[in-house]
Amino acid sequence: MLDGFDENTIEMVGHDYPFFRHVSGVRDGLDLRYKPDGALQAFASVLENLPFQVNEFSLANYTMMRDRGVEWMTAIPVFLNRAFR
């Protein structure tokens, strides 16, 4: 859990998608805090193990990290964008 956050708070970082601008807020007792950032900055946050509970991340980087023994991350396949980068 992050410092200053209770068990009902989830902080996530990802690209600044227009359809994600209204994600932040409290719903059903869950406080979701979305931090829009560029895709490369979001990926860098993950690689630096910054304290976000939910992150946008590339499948290729995740696969390489798992192959190198990184086990602190769990992938959940959610496709926010149909475009390939």
PDB file of N, CA and C in Angstrom:
ATOM      1  N   MET A   1       0.839  -1.176   0.000  1.00  0.00           N
ATOM      2  CA  MET A   1       0.000   0.000   0.000  1.00  0.00           C
ATOM      3  C   MET A   1       0.885   1.241   0.000  1.00  0.00           C
ATOM      4  N   LEU A   2       0.457   2.280  -0.654  1.00  0.00           N
ATOM      5  CA  LEU A   2       1.227   3.502  -0.759  1.00  0.00           C
ATOM      6  C   LEU A   2       1.077   4.343   0.494  1.00  0.00           C
ATOM      7  N   ASP A   3       2.115   5.096   0.850  1.00  0.00           N
ATOM      8  CA  ASP A   3       2.035   5.997   1.989  1.00  0.00           C
ATOM      9  C   ASP A   3       0.968   7.048   1.732  1.00  0.00           C
ATOM     10  N   GLY A   4       0.153   7.324   2.746  1.00  0.00           N
ATOM     11  CA  GLY A   4      -0.879   8.334   2.610  1.00  0.00           C
ATOM     12  C   GLY A   4      -2.132   7.848   1.906  1.00  0.00           C
ATOM     13  N   PHE A   5      -2.204   6.587   1.578  1.00  0.00           N
ATOM     14  CA  PHE A   5      -3.363   6.022   0.911  1.00  0.00           C
ATOM     15  C   PHE A   5      -3.969   4.963   1.815  1.00  0.00           C
ATOM     16  N   ASP A   6      -5.290   4.863   1.801  1.00  0.00           N
ATOM     17  CA  ASP A   6      -5.901   3.787   2.564  1.00  0.00           C
ATOM     18  C   ASP A   6      -6.179   2.610   1.636  1.00  0.00           C
ATOM     19  N   GLU A   7      -6.750   1.576   2.184  1.00  0.00           N
ATOM     20  CA  GLU A   7      -6.964   0.351   1.397  1.00  0.00           C
ATOM     21  C   GLU A   7      -7.997   0.523   0.292  1.00  0.00           C
ATOM     22  N   ASN A   8      -8.740   1.622   0.299  1.00  0.00           N
ATOM     23  CA  ASN A   8      -9.741   1.867  -0.739  1.00  0.00           C
ATOM     24  C   ASN A   8      -9.252   2.835  -1.813  1.00  0.00           C
ATOM     25  N   THR A   9      -7.955   3.082  -1.856  1.00  0.00           N
ATOM     26  CA  THR A   9      -7.380   3.993  -2.841  1.00  0.00           C
ATOM     27  C   THR A   9      -6.510   3.211  -3.821  1.00  0.00           C
ATOM     28  N   ILE A  10      -6.736   3.449  -5.093  1.00  0.00           N
ATOM     29  CA  ILE A  10      -5.900   2.863  -6.139  1.00  0.00           C
ATOM     30  C   ILE A  10      -5.367   4.014  -6.979  1.00  0.00           C
ATOM     31  N   GLU A  11      -4.041   4.062  -7.143  1.00  0.00           N
ATOM     32  CA  GLU A  11      -3.431   5.075  -7.994  1.00  0.00           C
ATOM     33  C   GLU A  11      -2.879   4.381  -9.228  1.00  0.00           C
ATOM     34  N   MET A  12      -3.212   4.921 -10.390  1.00  0.00           N
ATOM     35  CA  MET A  12      -2.742   4.326 -11.629  1.00  0.00           C
ATOM     36  C   MET A  12      -2.117   5.392 -12.518  1.00  0.00           C
ATOM     37  N   VAL A  13      -1.174   4.965 -13.339  1.00  0.00           N
ATOM     38  CA  VAL A  13      -0.496   5.861 -14.268  1.00  0.00           C
ATOM     39  C   VAL A  13      -0.592   5.263 -15.664  1.00  0.00           C
ATOM     40  N   GLY A  14      -0.776   6.121 -16.644  1.00  0.00           N
ATOM     41  CA  GLY A  14      -0.857   5.666 -18.023  1.00  0.00           C
ATOM     42  C   GLY A  14      -0.846   6.851 -18.969  1.00  0.00           C
ATOM     43  N   HIS A  15      -0.965   6.564 -20.232  1.00  0.00           N
ATOM     44  CA  HIS A  15      -0.965   7.602 -21.263  1.00  0.00           C
ATOM     45  C   HIS A  15      -2.182   8.514 -21.077  1.00  0.00           C
ATOM     46  N   ASP A  16      -2.100   9.729 -21.551  1.00  0.00           N
ATOM     47  CA  ASP A  16      -3.192  10.700 -21.429  1.00  0.00           C
ATOM     48  C   ASP A  16      -4.219  10.483 -22.543  1.00  0.00           C
ATOM     49  N   TYR A  17      -4.979   9.395 -22.427  1.00  0.00           N
ATOM     50  CA  TYR A  17      -6.015   9.095 -23.409  1.00  0.00           C
ATOM     51  C   TYR A  17      -7.228   9.988 -23.162  1.00  0.00           C
ATOM     52  N   PRO A  18      -7.863  10.529 -24.204  1.00  0.00           N
ATOM     53  CA  PRO A  18      -9.028  11.388 -23.995  1.00  0.00           C
ATOM     54  C   PRO A  18     -10.175  10.652 -23.298  1.00  0.00           C
ATOM     55  N   PHE A  19     -10.329   9.365 -23.557  1.00  0.00           N
ATOM     56  CA  PHE A  19     -11.423   8.614 -22.953  1.00  0.00           C
ATOM     57  C   PHE A  19     -11.140   8.214 -21.506  1.00  0.00           C
ATOM     58  N   PHE A  20      -9.977   8.551 -20.984  1.00  0.00           N
ATOM     59  CA  PHE A  20      -9.641   8.242 -19.589  1.00  0.00           C
ATOM     60  C   PHE A  20      -9.646   9.485 -18.701  1.00  0.00           C
ATOM     61  N   ARG A  21     -10.002  10.636 -19.245  1.00  0.00           N
ATOM     62  CA  ARG A  21      -9.920  11.885 -18.485  1.00  0.00           C
ATOM     63  C   ARG A  21     -10.868  11.939 -17.300  1.00  0.00           C
ATOM     64  N   HIS A  22     -11.943  11.183 -17.326  1.00  0.00           N
ATOM     65  CA  HIS A  22     -12.939  11.238 -16.253  1.00  0.00           C
ATOM     66  C   HIS A  22     -12.929   9.984 -15.383  1.00  0.00           C
ATOM     67  N   VAL A  23     -11.842   9.251 -15.402  1.00  0.00           N
ATOM     68  CA  VAL A  23     -11.750   8.007 -14.638  1.00  0.00           C
ATOM     69  C   VAL A  23     -11.587   8.271 -13.145  1.00  0.00           C
ATOM     70  N   SER A  24     -10.812   9.284 -12.791  1.00  0.00           N
ATOM     71  CA  SER A  24     -10.546   9.561 -11.377  1.00  0.00           C
ATOM     72  C   SER A  24     -11.829   9.918 -10.645  1.00  0.00           C
ATOM     73  N   GLY A  25     -11.883   9.498  -9.394  1.00  0.00           N
ATOM     74  CA  GLY A  25     -13.019   9.830  -8.552  1.00  0.00           C
ATOM     75  C   GLY A  25     -13.329   8.704  -7.588  1.00  0.00           C
ATOM     76  N   VAL A  26     -14.308   8.962  -6.733  1.00  0.00           N
ATOM     77  CA  VAL A  26     -14.729   7.968  -5.748  1.00  0.00           C
ATOM     78  C   VAL A  26     -16.044   7.360  -6.214  1.00  0.00           C
ATOM     79  N   ARG A  27     -16.054   6.043  -6.331  1.00  0.00           N
ATOM     80  CA  ARG A  27     -17.257   5.304  -6.718  1.00  0.00           C
ATOM     81  C   ARG A  27     -17.348   4.058  -5.861  1.00  0.00           C
ATOM     82  N   ASP A  28     -18.502   3.848  -5.292  1.00  0.00           N
ATOM     83  CA  ASP A  28     -18.740   2.663  -4.458  1.00  0.00           C
ATOM     84  C   ASP A  28     -17.662   2.499  -3.395  1.00  0.00           C
ATOM     85  N   GLY A  29     -17.202   3.615  -2.834  1.00  0.00           N
ATOM     86  CA  GLY A  29     -16.215   3.569  -1.759  1.00  0.00           C
ATOM     87  C   GLY A  29     -14.777   3.373  -2.213  1.00  0.00           C
ATOM     88  N   LEU A  30     -14.543   3.299  -3.514  1.00  0.00           N
ATOM     89  CA  LEU A  30     -13.192   3.122  -4.057  1.00  0.00           C
ATOM     90  C   LEU A  30     -12.714   4.443  -4.654  1.00  0.00           C
ATOM     91  N   ASP A  31     -11.570   4.910  -4.188  1.00  0.00           N
ATOM     92  CA  ASP A  31     -10.985   6.165  -4.663  1.00  0.00           C
ATOM     93  C   ASP A  31      -9.941   5.840  -5.727  1.00  0.00           C
ATOM     94  N   LEU A  32     -10.285   6.073  -6.992  1.00  0.00           N
ATOM     95  CA  LEU A  32      -9.378   5.799  -8.107  1.00  0.00           C
ATOM     96  C   LEU A  32      -8.729   7.108  -8.533  1.00  0.00           C
ATOM     97  N   ARG A  33      -7.404   7.132  -8.520  1.00  0.00           N
ATOM     98  CA  ARG A  33      -6.647   8.331  -8.889  1.00  0.00           C
ATOM     99  C   ARG A  33      -5.805   8.016 -10.115  1.00  0.00           C
ATOM    100  N   TYR A  34      -6.224   8.566 -11.253  1.00  0.00           N
ATOM    101  CA  TYR A  34      -5.527   8.335 -12.515  1.00  0.00           C
ATOM    102  C   TYR A  34      -4.557   9.473 -12.772  1.00  0.00           C
ATOM    103  N   LYS A  35      -3.292   9.150 -12.989  1.00  0.00           N
ATOM    104  CA  LYS A  35      -2.265  10.151 -13.290  1.00  0.00           C
ATOM    105  C   LYS A  35      -1.901  10.020 -14.763  1.00  0.00           C
ATOM    106  N   PRO A  36      -2.451  10.904 -15.609  1.00  0.00           N
ATOM    107  CA  PRO A  36      -2.103  10.823 -17.026  1.00  0.00           C
ATOM    108  C   PRO A  36      -0.659  11.243 -17.255  1.00  0.00           C
ATOM    109  N   ASP A  37      -0.005  10.512 -18.105  1.00  0.00           N
ATOM    110  CA  ASP A  37       1.391  10.767 -18.420  1.00  0.00           C
ATOM    111  C   ASP A  37       1.621  10.250 -19.834  1.00  0.00           C
ATOM    112  N   GLY A  38       2.710  10.559 -20.429  1.00  0.00           N
ATOM    113  CA  GLY A  38       3.033   9.993 -21.729  1.00  0.00           C
ATOM    114  C   GLY A  38       3.326   8.508 -21.587  1.00  0.00           C
ATOM    115  N   ALA A  39       3.135   7.756 -22.649  1.00  0.00           N
ATOM    116  CA  ALA A  39       3.358   6.305 -22.589  1.00  0.00           C
ATOM    117  C   ALA A  39       4.778   5.977 -22.149  1.00  0.00           C
ATOM    118  N   LEU A  40       5.760   6.672 -22.694  1.00  0.00           N
ATOM    119  CA  LEU A  40       7.153   6.385 -22.316  1.00  0.00           C
ATOM    120  C   LEU A  40       7.412   6.700 -20.848  1.00  0.00           C
ATOM    121  N   GLN A  41       6.818   7.791 -20.344  1.00  0.00           N
ATOM    122  CA  GLN A  41       6.981   8.128 -18.932  1.00  0.00           C
ATOM    123  C   GLN A  41       6.292   7.097 -18.043  1.00  0.00           C
ATOM    124  N   ALA A  42       5.128   6.621 -18.477  1.00  0.00           N
ATOM    125  CA  ALA A  42       4.417   5.594 -17.712  1.00  0.00           C
ATOM    126  C   ALA A  42       5.241   4.308 -17.660  1.00  0.00           C
ATOM    127  N   PHE A  43       5.814   3.909 -18.790  1.00  0.00           N
ATOM    128  CA  PHE A  43       6.647   2.708 -18.818  1.00  0.00           C
ATOM    129  C   PHE A  43       7.871   2.889 -17.929  1.00  0.00           C
ATOM    130  N   ALA A  44       8.480   4.079 -17.976  1.00  0.00           N
ATOM    131  CA  ALA A  44       9.662   4.356 -17.144  1.00  0.00           C
ATOM    132  C   ALA A  44       9.309   4.270 -15.667  1.00  0.00           C
ATOM    133  N   SER A  45       8.113   4.722 -15.289  1.00  0.00           N
ATOM    134  CA  SER A  45       7.676   4.628 -13.892  1.00  0.00           C
ATOM    135  C   SER A  45       7.647   3.180 -13.428  1.00  0.00           C
ATOM    136  N   VAL A  46       7.176   2.304 -14.301  1.00  0.00           N
ATOM    137  CA  VAL A  46       7.135   0.879 -13.962  1.00  0.00           C
ATOM    138  C   VAL A  46       8.549   0.329 -13.831  1.00  0.00           C
ATOM    139  N   LEU A  47       9.397   0.641 -14.790  1.00  0.00           N
ATOM    140  CA  LEU A  47      10.767   0.121 -14.766  1.00  0.00           C
ATOM    141  C   LEU A  47      11.546   0.607 -13.551  1.00  0.00           C
ATOM    142  N   GLU A  48      11.216   1.805 -13.061  1.00  0.00           N
ATOM    143  CA  GLU A  48      11.876   2.339 -11.873  1.00  0.00           C
ATOM    144  C   GLU A  48      11.187   1.882 -10.592  1.00  0.00           C
ATOM    145  N   ASN A  49      10.147   1.046 -10.740  1.00  0.00           N
ATOM    146  CA  ASN A  49       9.398   0.494  -9.613  1.00  0.00           C
ATOM    147  C   ASN A  49       8.817   1.598  -8.733  1.00  0.00           C
ATOM    148  N   LEU A  50       8.281   2.649  -9.370  1.00  0.00           N
ATOM    149  CA  LEU A  50       7.626   3.717  -8.620  1.00  0.00           C
ATOM    150  C   LEU A  50       6.297   3.202  -8.076  1.00  0.00           C
ATOM    151  N   PRO A  51       5.828   3.797  -6.997  1.00  0.00           N
ATOM    152  CA  PRO A  51       4.695   3.220  -6.263  1.00  0.00           C
ATOM    153  C   PRO A  51       3.322   3.477  -6.873  1.00  0.00           C
ATOM    154  N   PHE A  52       3.017   2.821  -7.973  1.00  0.00           N
ATOM    155  CA  PHE A  52       1.670   2.839  -8.520  1.00  0.00           C
ATOM    156  C   PHE A  52       1.123   1.428  -8.423  1.00  0.00           C
ATOM    157  N   GLN A  53      -0.168   1.323  -8.153  1.00  0.00           N
ATOM    158  CA  GLN A  53      -0.767  -0.004  -8.034  1.00  0.00           C
ATOM    159  C   GLN A  53      -1.233  -0.541  -9.381  1.00  0.00           C
ATOM    160  N   VAL A  54      -1.546   0.369 -10.301  1.00  0.00           N
ATOM    161  CA  VAL A  54      -1.992  -0.019 -11.635  1.00  0.00           C
ATOM    162  C   VAL A  54      -1.201   0.822 -12.629  1.00  0.00           C
ATOM    163  N   ASN A  55      -0.632   0.176 -13.627  1.00  0.00           N
ATOM    164  CA  ASN A  55       0.211   0.871 -14.593  1.00  0.00           C
ATOM    165  C   ASN A  55      -0.085   0.383 -15.990  1.00  0.00           C
ATOM    166  N   GLU A  56       0.053   1.291 -16.936  1.00  0.00           N
ATOM    167  CA  GLU A  56       0.073   0.888 -18.340  1.00  0.00           C
ATOM    168  C   GLU A  56       1.497   0.420 -18.629  1.00  0.00           C
ATOM    169  N   PHE A  57       1.619  -0.690 -19.340  1.00  0.00           N
ATOM    170  CA  PHE A  57       2.947  -1.225 -19.601  1.00  0.00           C
ATOM    171  C   PHE A  57       2.900  -2.064 -20.862  1.00  0.00           C
ATOM    172  N   SER A  58       4.007  -2.146 -21.557  1.00  0.00           N
ATOM    173  CA  SER A  58       4.027  -2.929 -22.794  1.00  0.00           C
ATOM    174  C   SER A  58       4.181  -4.420 -22.481  1.00  0.00           C
ATOM    175  N   LEU A  59       3.517  -5.233 -23.268  1.00  0.00           N
ATOM    176  CA  LEU A  59       3.593  -6.684 -23.096  1.00  0.00           C
ATOM    177  C   LEU A  59       5.009  -7.185 -23.334  1.00  0.00           C
ATOM    178  N   ALA A  60       5.709  -6.594 -24.304  1.00  0.00           N
ATOM    179  CA  ALA A  60       7.086  -7.018 -24.589  1.00  0.00           C
ATOM    180  C   ALA A  60       7.993  -6.774 -23.383  1.00  0.00           C
ATOM    181  N   ASN A  61       7.902  -5.583 -22.781  1.00  0.00           N
ATOM    182  CA  ASN A  61       8.730  -5.296 -21.604  1.00  0.00           C
ATOM    183  C   ASN A  61       8.361  -6.188 -20.424  1.00  0.00           C
ATOM    184  N   TYR A  62       7.066  -6.421 -20.236  1.00  0.00           N
ATOM    185  CA  TYR A  62       6.628  -7.300 -19.148  1.00  0.00           C
ATOM    186  C   TYR A  62       7.209  -8.704 -19.331  1.00  0.00           C
ATOM    187  N   THR A  63       7.142  -9.221 -20.551  1.00  0.00           N
ATOM    188  CA  THR A  63       7.663 -10.558 -20.839  1.00  0.00           C
ATOM    189  C   THR A  63       9.165 -10.638 -20.574  1.00  0.00           C
ATOM    190  N   MET A  64       9.898  -9.611 -20.987  1.00  0.00           N
ATOM    191  CA  MET A  64      11.349  -9.597 -20.734  1.00  0.00           C
ATOM    192  C   MET A  64      11.646  -9.538 -19.237  1.00  0.00           C
ATOM    193  N   MET A  65      10.880  -8.738 -18.499  1.00  0.00           N
ATOM    194  CA  MET A  65      11.107  -8.639 -17.051  1.00  0.00           C
ATOM    195  C   MET A  65      10.842  -9.977 -16.363  1.00  0.00           C
ATOM    196  N   ARG A  66       9.762 -10.642 -16.747  1.00  0.00           N
ATOM    197  CA  ARG A  66       9.455 -11.950 -16.150  1.00  0.00           C
ATOM    198  C   ARG A  66      10.559 -12.954 -16.470  1.00  0.00           C
ATOM    199  N   ASP A  67      11.064 -12.905 -17.690  1.00  0.00           N
ATOM    200  CA  ASP A  67      12.140 -13.808 -18.091  1.00  0.00           C
ATOM    201  C   ASP A  67      13.406 -13.574 -17.268  1.00  0.00           C
ATOM    202  N   ARG A  68      13.589 -12.344 -16.817  1.00  0.00           N
ATOM    203  CA  ARG A  68      14.767 -11.999 -16.003  1.00  0.00           C
ATOM    204  C   ARG A  68      14.531 -12.185 -14.511  1.00  0.00           C
ATOM    205  N   GLY A  69      13.386 -12.762 -14.151  1.00  0.00           N
ATOM    206  CA  GLY A  69      13.137 -13.096 -12.758  1.00  0.00           C
ATOM    207  C   GLY A  69      12.357 -12.075 -11.957  1.00  0.00           C
ATOM    208  N   VAL A  70      11.878 -11.014 -12.586  1.00  0.00           N
ATOM    209  CA  VAL A  70      11.078 -10.016 -11.868  1.00  0.00           C
ATOM    210  C   VAL A  70       9.706 -10.619 -11.578  1.00  0.00           C
ATOM    211  N   GLU A  71       9.333 -10.651 -10.305  1.00  0.00           N
ATOM    212  CA  GLU A  71       8.072 -11.295  -9.935  1.00  0.00           C
ATOM    213  C   GLU A  71       7.106 -10.382  -9.198  1.00  0.00           C
ATOM    214  N   TRP A  72       7.450  -9.112  -8.981  1.00  0.00           N
ATOM    215  CA  TRP A  72       6.580  -8.235  -8.207  1.00  0.00           C
ATOM    216  C   TRP A  72       5.403  -7.708  -9.018  1.00  0.00           C
ATOM    217  N   MET A  73       5.396  -7.931 -10.327  1.00  0.00           N
ATOM    218  CA  MET A  73       4.352  -7.392 -11.184  1.00  0.00           C
ATOM    219  C   MET A  73       3.445  -8.508 -11.694  1.00  0.00           C
ATOM    220  N   THR A  74       2.150  -8.215 -11.759  1.00  0.00           N
ATOM    221  CA  THR A  74       1.181  -9.139 -12.328  1.00  0.00           C
ATOM    222  C   THR A  74       0.517  -8.461 -13.515  1.00  0.00           C
ATOM    223  N   ALA A  75       0.470  -9.126 -14.639  1.00  0.00           N
ATOM    224  CA  ALA A  75      -0.145  -8.547 -15.838  1.00  0.00           C
ATOM    225  C   ALA A  75      -1.627  -8.889 -15.893  1.00  0.00           C
ATOM    226  N   ILE A  76      -2.408  -7.894 -16.249  1.00  0.00           N
ATOM    227  CA  ILE A  76      -3.838  -8.070 -16.505  1.00  0.00           C
ATOM    228  C   ILE A  76      -4.071  -7.510 -17.905  1.00  0.00           C
ATOM    229  N   PRO A  77      -4.470  -8.331 -18.855  1.00  0.00           N
ATOM    230  CA  PRO A  77      -4.595  -7.844 -20.235  1.00  0.00           C
ATOM    231  C   PRO A  77      -5.824  -6.951 -20.430  1.00  0.00           C
ATOM    232  N   VAL A  78      -5.584  -5.660 -20.456  1.00  0.00           N
ATOM    233  CA  VAL A  78      -6.621  -4.669 -20.726  1.00  0.00           C
ATOM    234  C   VAL A  78      -6.110  -3.825 -21.882  1.00  0.00           C
ATOM    235  N   PHE A  79      -6.841  -3.790 -22.955  1.00  0.00           N
ATOM    236  CA  PHE A  79      -6.397  -3.075 -24.145  1.00  0.00           C
ATOM    237  C   PHE A  79      -7.137  -1.747 -24.243  1.00  0.00           C
ATOM    238  N   LEU A  80      -6.434  -0.665 -23.905  1.00  0.00           N
ATOM    239  CA  LEU A  80      -7.028   0.665 -23.883  1.00  0.00           C
ATOM    240  C   LEU A  80      -7.038   1.324 -25.249  1.00  0.00           C
ATOM    241  N   ASN A  81      -6.241   0.819 -26.153  1.00  0.00           N
ATOM    242  CA  ASN A  81      -6.076   1.456 -27.445  1.00  0.00           C
ATOM    243  C   ASN A  81      -5.872   0.372 -28.497  1.00  0.00           C
ATOM    244  N   ARG A  82      -6.518   0.505 -29.613  1.00  0.00           N
ATOM    245  CA  ARG A  82      -6.370  -0.498 -30.672  1.00  0.00           C
ATOM    246  C   ARG A  82      -5.186  -0.219 -31.584  1.00  0.00           C
ATOM    247  N   ALA A  83      -4.530   0.905 -31.406  1.00  0.00           N
ATOM    248  CA  ALA A  83      -3.397   1.271 -32.257  1.00  0.00           C
ATOM    249  C   ALA A  83      -2.135   0.570 -31.790  1.00  0.00           C
ATOM    250  N   PHE A  84      -1.311   0.182 -32.730  1.00  0.00           N
ATOM    251  CA  PHE A  84      -0.013  -0.390 -32.398  1.00  0.00           C
ATOM    252  C   PHE A  84       1.013   0.724 -32.423  1.00  0.00           C
ATOM    253  N   ARG A  85       1.912   0.729 -31.443  1.00  0.00           N
ATOM    254  CA  ARG A  85       2.963   1.754 -31.383  1.00  0.00           C
ATOM    255  C   ARG A  85       4.293   1.104 -31.550  1.00  0.00           C
TER     256      ARG A  85
END
